[in-house]
């Protein structure tokens, strides 16, 4: 995904937020693949989603928060 305000393609907090808010299916699939390969990205996804959880209409963020929590390694 080409980020509108970023000049790189790394999974930074801004990039993850952009993917969640504006991304299409393929963008989400790429984020999912990266999250499964790099567990620290789960924390970033949760950090991005947390402020939106009080908004019941922010369904994309709710989805990704549930996904991140479901894929956390068992402690």
Protein backbone atom coordinates (compact mmCIF):
# COMPACT_ATOMS: atom_id res chain seq x y z
CA UNK A 1 0.00 0.00 0.00
CA UNK A 2 1.28 3.46 -0.84
CA UNK A 3 0.83 5.55 2.28
CA UNK A 4 -0.39 9.04 1.62
CA UNK A 5 1.99 10.72 4.07
CA UNK A 6 4.86 8.26 4.42
CA UNK A 7 7.86 7.78 2.17
CA UNK A 8 8.58 4.17 3.16
CA UNK A 9 6.76 0.85 3.34
CA UNK A 10 7.75 -0.32 6.84
CA UNK A 11 5.14 -1.26 9.44
CA UNK A 12 5.49 1.79 11.65
CA UNK A 13 2.63 2.95 13.88
CA UNK A 14 1.57 5.47 11.25
CA UNK A 15 1.68 2.86 8.50
CA UNK A 16 -0.35 0.36 10.52
CA UNK A 17 -2.95 3.02 11.31
CA UNK A 18 -3.13 3.92 7.61
CA UNK A 19 -3.56 0.27 6.62
CA UNK A 20 -6.30 -0.31 9.18
CA UNK A 21 -8.20 2.86 8.37
CA UNK A 22 -7.79 3.03 4.57
CA UNK A 23 -6.48 -0.36 3.53
CA UNK A 24 -8.15 -2.79 1.21
CA UNK A 25 -8.28 -6.57 1.47
CA UNK A 26 -4.79 -7.08 0.01
CA UNK A 27 -3.30 -4.51 2.39
CA UNK A 28 -4.89 -6.26 5.35
CA UNK A 29 -3.57 -9.61 4.10
CA UNK A 30 -0.05 -8.17 3.99
CA UNK A 31 -0.41 -6.79 7.52
CA UNK A 32 -1.72 -10.16 8.73
CA UNK A 33 1.24 -11.95 7.17
CA UNK A 34 3.69 -9.50 8.77
CA UNK A 35 2.01 -9.82 12.18
CA UNK A 36 2.23 -13.61 12.05
CA UNK A 37 5.94 -13.42 11.15
CA UNK A 38 6.85 -10.66 13.62
CA UNK A 39 5.07 -10.99 16.95
CA UNK A 40 6.12 -7.48 18.17
CA UNK A 41 3.80 -6.04 15.52
CA UNK A 42 0.86 -7.33 17.56
CA UNK A 43 1.70 -4.81 20.26
CA UNK A 44 1.80 -2.03 17.68
CA UNK A 45 -1.60 -3.06 16.31
CA UNK A 46 -3.07 -3.04 19.82
CA UNK A 47 -1.50 0.35 20.54
CA UNK A 48 -3.08 1.81 17.40
CA UNK A 49 -6.50 0.27 18.05
CA UNK A 50 -6.85 1.02 21.75
CA UNK A 51 -7.97 4.69 21.42
CA UNK A 52 -10.76 3.70 19.01
CA UNK A 53 -12.36 1.02 21.17
CA UNK A 54 -14.83 3.43 22.76
CA UNK A 55 -16.28 4.16 19.30
CA UNK A 56 -18.70 1.36 18.33
CA UNK A 57 -18.51 2.48 14.69
CA UNK A 58 -14.74 2.04 14.42
CA UNK A 59 -15.26 -1.55 13.41
CA UNK A 60 -11.96 -1.91 11.56
CA UNK A 61 -10.08 -1.10 14.77
CA UNK A 62 -12.28 -3.44 16.81
CA UNK A 63 -11.57 -6.23 14.33
CA UNK A 64 -7.80 -5.72 14.48
CA UNK A 65 -7.78 -5.45 18.27
CA UNK A 66 -9.60 -8.78 18.54
CA UNK A 67 -7.26 -10.30 15.96
CA UNK A 68 -4.16 -9.12 17.83
CA UNK A 69 -5.45 -10.36 21.17
CA UNK A 70 -6.41 -13.75 19.71
CA UNK A 71 -2.93 -14.23 18.22
CA UNK A 72 -0.87 -13.21 21.24
CA UNK A 73 1.46 -15.97 22.39
CA UNK A 74 0.27 -17.80 25.48
CA UNK A 75 2.13 -16.64 28.58
